[in-house]
Amino acid sequence: MDRSTEEKVQEIVELIDECGDYWRKAAFYSDPDVSALLDSLYERWESSNMQGIPLDYATDEEVDFLYRKAKSLTREDSRRSERAFIKKSMGIDEEVHKNNSKHRKRRFFGLLP
């Protein structure tokens, strides 16, 4: 049985916006494809005097895309999002340090600038 568009919108809201896992939200909203689509939806919503919610302005295909993305998020996606935030906030550049764990450990313990 296929879900209706309205049911999918409600489930997206429940899975992402009403979810207590902030890292799950971060993983969803930081996806470049999701972010680009949401920018477009917000533009449509704003040009319609902000009636309803931005998802009300999505086509069936766009809702399907967001629904699949929301359903496909795993706990590992949340953990990856959390790790990326922590690394960025600590100034750890994964590209520079990926082959030099000693340097990374020194950076973590504040021994290097």
N, C-alpha and C. Protein backbone atom coordinates (compact mmCIF):
# COMPACT_ATOMS: atom_id res chain seq x y z
N MET A 1 0.84 -1.18 0.00
CA MET A 1 0.00 0.00 0.00
C MET A 1 0.89 1.25 0.00
N ASP A 2 0.68 2.09 -0.96
CA ASP A 2 1.45 3.33 -1.07
C ASP A 2 0.89 4.38 -0.12
N ARG A 3 1.78 5.11 0.46
CA ARG A 3 1.36 6.21 1.33
C ARG A 3 0.98 7.41 0.47
N SER A 4 0.04 8.18 0.96
CA SER A 4 -0.33 9.40 0.25
C SER A 4 0.74 10.47 0.50
N THR A 5 0.72 11.49 -0.32
CA THR A 5 1.67 12.59 -0.16
C THR A 5 1.52 13.23 1.21
N GLU A 6 0.30 13.41 1.66
CA GLU A 6 0.06 14.03 2.97
C GLU A 6 0.64 13.17 4.10
N GLU A 7 0.49 11.84 3.97
CA GLU A 7 1.06 10.94 4.98
C GLU A 7 2.58 11.00 4.97
N LYS A 8 3.16 11.10 3.78
CA LYS A 8 4.62 11.20 3.68
C LYS A 8 5.12 12.50 4.30
N VAL A 9 4.42 13.60 4.04
CA VAL A 9 4.80 14.88 4.63
C VAL A 9 4.76 14.78 6.15
N GLN A 10 3.71 14.19 6.69
CA GLN A 10 3.59 14.05 8.13
C GLN A 10 4.71 13.18 8.69
N GLU A 11 5.05 12.11 7.99
CA GLU A 11 6.12 11.24 8.47
C GLU A 11 7.48 11.93 8.38
N ILE A 12 7.71 12.74 7.37
CA ILE A 12 8.96 13.51 7.29
C ILE A 12 9.07 14.43 8.50
N VAL A 13 7.99 15.11 8.82
CA VAL A 13 7.97 16.02 9.98
C VAL A 13 8.27 15.23 11.25
N GLU A 14 7.66 14.07 11.41
CA GLU A 14 7.88 13.26 12.61
C GLU A 14 9.31 12.72 12.67
N LEU A 15 9.82 12.23 11.54
CA LEU A 15 11.16 11.64 11.52
C LEU A 15 12.28 12.66 11.70
N ILE A 16 12.05 13.88 11.24
CA ILE A 16 13.13 14.87 11.26
C ILE A 16 12.85 16.00 12.25
N ASP A 17 11.80 16.75 12.03
CA ASP A 17 11.57 17.95 12.84
C ASP A 17 11.13 17.65 14.28
N GLU A 18 10.37 16.60 14.47
CA GLU A 18 9.89 16.28 15.81
C GLU A 18 10.77 15.25 16.51
N CYS A 19 11.82 14.84 15.86
CA CYS A 19 12.74 13.84 16.40
C CYS A 19 13.63 14.48 17.47
N GLY A 20 13.89 13.77 18.52
CA GLY A 20 14.76 14.28 19.58
C GLY A 20 16.24 14.11 19.27
N ASP A 21 16.58 13.40 18.22
CA ASP A 21 17.97 13.17 17.83
C ASP A 21 18.43 14.32 16.95
N TYR A 22 19.11 15.29 17.57
CA TYR A 22 19.53 16.48 16.83
C TYR A 22 20.55 16.15 15.75
N TRP A 23 21.32 15.09 15.96
CA TRP A 23 22.32 14.72 14.94
C TRP A 23 21.64 14.12 13.72
N ARG A 24 20.50 13.47 13.91
CA ARG A 24 19.72 12.97 12.77
C ARG A 24 19.24 14.16 11.94
N LYS A 25 18.76 15.19 12.63
CA LYS A 25 18.33 16.41 11.94
C LYS A 25 19.49 17.01 11.16
N ALA A 26 20.64 17.09 11.82
CA ALA A 26 21.81 17.67 11.17
C ALA A 26 22.21 16.87 9.94
N ALA A 27 22.16 15.54 10.04
CA ALA A 27 22.50 14.69 8.90
C ALA A 27 21.54 14.93 7.74
N PHE A 28 20.26 15.07 8.04
CA PHE A 28 19.26 15.29 7.00
C PHE A 28 19.45 16.66 6.35
N TYR A 29 19.49 17.71 7.17
CA TYR A 29 19.56 19.06 6.62
C TYR A 29 20.90 19.40 6.00
N SER A 30 21.96 18.67 6.35
CA SER A 30 23.27 18.97 5.76
C SER A 30 23.49 18.25 4.44
N ASP A 31 22.59 17.37 4.06
CA ASP A 31 22.69 16.70 2.76
C ASP A 31 22.54 17.78 1.68
N PRO A 32 23.49 17.89 0.76
CA PRO A 32 23.44 18.96 -0.25
C PRO A 32 22.19 18.93 -1.12
N ASP A 33 21.71 17.75 -1.48
CA ASP A 33 20.51 17.65 -2.31
C ASP A 33 19.26 18.09 -1.53
N VAL A 34 19.20 17.68 -0.28
CA VAL A 34 18.07 18.08 0.58
C VAL A 34 18.10 19.59 0.78
N SER A 35 19.28 20.11 1.08
CA SER A 35 19.43 21.55 1.32
C SER A 35 19.01 22.37 0.10
N ALA A 36 19.43 21.96 -1.09
CA ALA A 36 19.07 22.68 -2.32
C ALA A 36 17.56 22.65 -2.54
N LEU A 37 16.95 21.49 -2.34
CA LEU A 37 15.50 21.38 -2.52
C LEU A 37 14.76 22.23 -1.49
N LEU A 38 15.21 22.20 -0.25
CA LEU A 38 14.55 22.99 0.79
C LEU A 38 14.67 24.49 0.53
N ASP A 39 15.82 24.91 -0.01
CA ASP A 39 15.96 26.33 -0.38
C ASP A 39 14.88 26.72 -1.38
N SER A 40 14.65 25.86 -2.36
CA SER A 40 13.63 26.11 -3.37
C SER A 40 12.23 26.13 -2.75
N LEU A 41 11.98 25.20 -1.84
CA LEU A 41 10.66 25.15 -1.18
C LEU A 41 10.43 26.40 -0.32
N TYR A 42 11.46 26.85 0.36
CA TYR A 42 11.32 28.06 1.18
C TYR A 42 11.03 29.27 0.30
N GLU A 43 11.66 29.34 -0.86
CA GLU A 43 11.38 30.45 -1.78
C GLU A 43 9.92 30.44 -2.21
N ARG A 44 9.40 29.26 -2.56
CA ARG A 44 7.99 29.14 -2.96
C ARG A 44 7.07 29.51 -1.81
N TRP A 45 7.41 29.04 -0.62
CA TRP A 45 6.62 29.31 0.57
C TRP A 45 6.59 30.81 0.88
N GLU A 46 7.77 31.45 0.82
CA GLU A 46 7.86 32.88 1.09
C GLU A 46 7.10 33.70 0.05
N SER A 47 7.14 33.29 -1.21
CA SER A 47 6.44 34.04 -2.25
C SER A 47 4.92 33.83 -2.17
N SER A 48 4.50 32.87 -1.35
CA SER A 48 3.06 32.63 -1.14
C SER A 48 2.62 33.13 0.23
N ASN A 49 3.32 34.15 0.72
CA ASN A 49 2.99 34.79 2.00
C ASN A 49 3.07 33.84 3.19
N MET A 50 3.94 32.85 3.10
CA MET A 50 4.22 31.92 4.19
C MET A 50 2.97 31.24 4.74
N GLN A 51 2.10 30.86 3.85
CA GLN A 51 0.90 30.12 4.24
C GLN A 51 1.26 28.64 4.40
N GLY A 52 0.82 28.00 5.46
CA GLY A 52 1.12 26.59 5.68
C GLY A 52 2.57 26.39 6.06
N ILE A 53 3.14 25.30 5.57
CA ILE A 53 4.56 25.00 5.81
C ILE A 53 5.26 24.83 4.46
N PRO A 54 6.57 24.98 4.42
CA PRO A 54 7.27 24.86 3.14
C PRO A 54 6.99 23.54 2.40
N LEU A 55 6.81 22.44 3.13
CA LEU A 55 6.54 21.16 2.47
C LEU A 55 5.22 21.16 1.72
N ASP A 56 4.32 22.07 2.05
CA ASP A 56 3.05 22.17 1.33
C ASP A 56 3.26 22.58 -0.12
N TYR A 57 4.42 23.13 -0.44
CA TYR A 57 4.70 23.64 -1.78
C TYR A 57 5.55 22.68 -2.61
N ALA A 58 5.79 21.49 -2.06
CA ALA A 58 6.58 20.48 -2.77
C ALA A 58 5.69 19.67 -3.72
N THR A 59 6.26 19.30 -4.84
CA THR A 59 5.56 18.41 -5.77
C THR A 59 5.57 17.00 -5.17
N ASP A 60 4.77 16.10 -5.74
CA ASP A 60 4.76 14.71 -5.27
C ASP A 60 6.16 14.09 -5.38
N GLU A 61 6.87 14.39 -6.46
CA GLU A 61 8.21 13.84 -6.66
C GLU A 61 9.18 14.38 -5.60
N GLU A 62 9.06 15.65 -5.28
CA GLU A 62 9.94 16.25 -4.27
C GLU A 62 9.64 15.65 -2.89
N VAL A 63 8.37 15.45 -2.58
CA VAL A 63 8.01 14.82 -1.31
C VAL A 63 8.56 13.40 -1.26
N ASP A 64 8.44 12.66 -2.35
CA ASP A 64 8.98 11.31 -2.41
C ASP A 64 10.48 11.30 -2.15
N PHE A 65 11.19 12.24 -2.76
CA PHE A 65 12.64 12.34 -2.58
C PHE A 65 12.98 12.59 -1.10
N LEU A 66 12.33 13.58 -0.49
CA LEU A 66 12.59 13.90 0.91
C LEU A 66 12.19 12.75 1.83
N TYR A 67 11.11 12.08 1.50
CA TYR A 67 10.64 10.94 2.29
C TYR A 67 11.67 9.81 2.26
N ARG A 68 12.18 9.51 1.08
CA ARG A 68 13.20 8.46 0.96
C ARG A 68 14.46 8.83 1.74
N LYS A 69 14.86 10.09 1.66
CA LYS A 69 16.04 10.55 2.40
C LYS A 69 15.82 10.42 3.90
N ALA A 70 14.66 10.85 4.37
CA ALA A 70 14.37 10.79 5.81
C ALA A 70 14.31 9.36 6.31
N LYS A 71 13.72 8.47 5.52
CA LYS A 71 13.59 7.06 5.91
C LYS A 71 14.93 6.33 5.84
N SER A 72 15.83 6.78 4.98
CA SER A 72 17.08 6.06 4.78
C SER A 72 18.16 6.44 5.80
N LEU A 73 17.93 7.48 6.59
CA LEU A 73 18.93 7.86 7.59
C LEU A 73 19.08 6.76 8.62
N THR A 74 20.31 6.47 8.94
CA THR A 74 20.60 5.44 9.94
C THR A 74 21.23 6.09 11.17
N ARG A 75 21.40 5.32 12.21
CA ARG A 75 22.07 5.82 13.41
C ARG A 75 23.51 6.22 13.05
N GLU A 76 24.12 5.50 12.13
CA GLU A 76 25.49 5.83 11.71
C GLU A 76 25.54 7.21 11.05
N ASP A 77 24.52 7.58 10.30
CA ASP A 77 24.47 8.92 9.70
C ASP A 77 24.48 9.98 10.80
N SER A 78 23.74 9.73 11.87
CA SER A 78 23.71 10.66 13.00
C SER A 78 25.08 10.75 13.65
N ARG A 79 25.71 9.61 13.85
CA ARG A 79 27.05 9.60 14.46
C ARG A 79 28.07 10.31 13.57
N ARG A 80 27.97 10.09 12.28
CA ARG A 80 28.89 10.74 11.33
C ARG A 80 28.70 12.26 11.38
N SER A 81 27.47 12.70 11.47
CA SER A 81 27.16 14.12 11.56
C SER A 81 27.75 14.71 12.84
N GLU A 82 27.60 13.98 13.93
CA GLU A 82 28.14 14.44 15.21
C GLU A 82 29.66 14.53 15.17
N ARG A 83 30.31 13.50 14.63
CA ARG A 83 31.78 13.51 14.53
C ARG A 83 32.27 14.66 13.66
N ALA A 84 31.60 14.89 12.55
CA ALA A 84 32.01 15.98 11.65
C ALA A 84 31.91 17.32 12.35
N PHE A 85 30.85 17.52 13.13
CA PHE A 85 30.68 18.77 13.87
C PHE A 85 31.79 18.95 14.89
N ILE A 86 32.07 17.89 15.64
CA ILE A 86 33.10 17.97 16.68
C ILE A 86 34.46 18.25 16.06
N LYS A 87 34.78 17.55 14.98
CA LYS A 87 36.07 17.78 14.32
C LYS A 87 36.18 19.21 13.81
N LYS A 88 35.11 19.69 13.21
CA LYS A 88 35.14 21.06 12.68
C LYS A 88 35.27 22.07 13.81
N SER A 89 34.56 21.85 14.91
CA SER A 89 34.62 22.80 16.02
C SER A 89 35.98 22.78 16.71
N MET A 90 36.71 21.66 16.59
CA MET A 90 38.05 21.57 17.17
C MET A 90 39.13 22.01 16.19
N GLY A 91 38.72 22.32 14.97
CA GLY A 91 39.69 22.76 13.97
C GLY A 91 40.49 21.64 13.35
N ILE A 92 39.97 20.44 13.43
CA ILE A 92 40.69 19.30 12.86
C ILE A 92 40.28 19.15 11.40
N ASP A 93 41.25 19.26 10.52
CA ASP A 93 41.02 19.09 9.09
C ASP A 93 41.34 17.65 8.74
N GLU A 94 40.32 16.87 8.45
CA GLU A 94 40.49 15.45 8.20
C GLU A 94 41.42 15.18 7.02
N GLU A 95 41.39 16.00 5.99
CA GLU A 95 42.24 15.79 4.82
C GLU A 95 43.71 15.91 5.20
N VAL A 96 44.04 16.92 5.99
CA VAL A 96 45.43 17.15 6.35
C VAL A 96 45.94 16.09 7.31
N HIS A 97 45.08 15.62 8.21
CA HIS A 97 45.52 14.75 9.29
C HIS A 97 45.20 13.28 9.10
N LYS A 98 44.62 12.88 7.99
CA LYS A 98 44.16 11.50 7.88
C LYS A 98 45.29 10.48 7.91
N ASN A 99 46.48 10.85 7.48
CA ASN A 99 47.60 9.91 7.48
C ASN A 99 48.60 10.18 8.60
N ASN A 100 48.28 11.05 9.50
CA ASN A 100 49.23 11.42 10.54
C ASN A 100 48.52 11.42 11.89
N SER A 101 48.30 10.24 12.46
CA SER A 101 47.52 10.14 13.70
C SER A 101 48.24 10.79 14.87
N LYS A 102 49.57 10.78 14.89
CA LYS A 102 50.31 11.42 15.98
C LYS A 102 50.02 12.92 16.00
N HIS A 103 50.05 13.52 14.81
CA HIS A 103 49.76 14.95 14.70
C HIS A 103 48.33 15.25 15.15
N ARG A 104 47.40 14.38 14.77
CA ARG A 104 46.00 14.57 15.13
C ARG A 104 45.84 14.48 16.65
N LYS A 105 46.53 13.52 17.29
CA LYS A 105 46.43 13.38 18.74
C LYS A 105 47.01 14.62 19.43
N ARG A 106 48.12 15.12 18.93
CA ARG A 106 48.69 16.33 19.52
C ARG A 106 47.72 17.50 19.37
N ARG A 107 47.09 17.59 18.21
CA ARG A 107 46.12 18.66 17.97
C ARG A 107 44.95 18.52 18.94
N PHE A 108 44.50 17.29 19.15
CA PHE A 108 43.36 17.04 20.03
C PHE A 108 43.69 17.47 21.46
N PHE A 109 44.88 17.17 21.92
CA PHE A 109 45.23 17.49 23.30
C PHE A 109 45.77 18.92 23.45
N GLY A 110 45.68 19.71 22.41
CA GLY A 110 46.07 21.11 22.50
C GLY A 110 47.55 21.35 22.51
N LEU A 111 48.35 20.40 22.04
CA LEU A 111 49.78 20.57 22.05
C LEU A 111 50.30 21.29 20.82
N LEU A 112 49.45 21.41 19.81
CA LEU A 112 49.82 22.14 18.60
C LEU A 112 48.85 23.29 18.42
N PRO A 113 49.29 24.36 17.80
CA PRO A 113 48.38 25.50 17.56
C PRO A 113 47.28 25.14 16.58
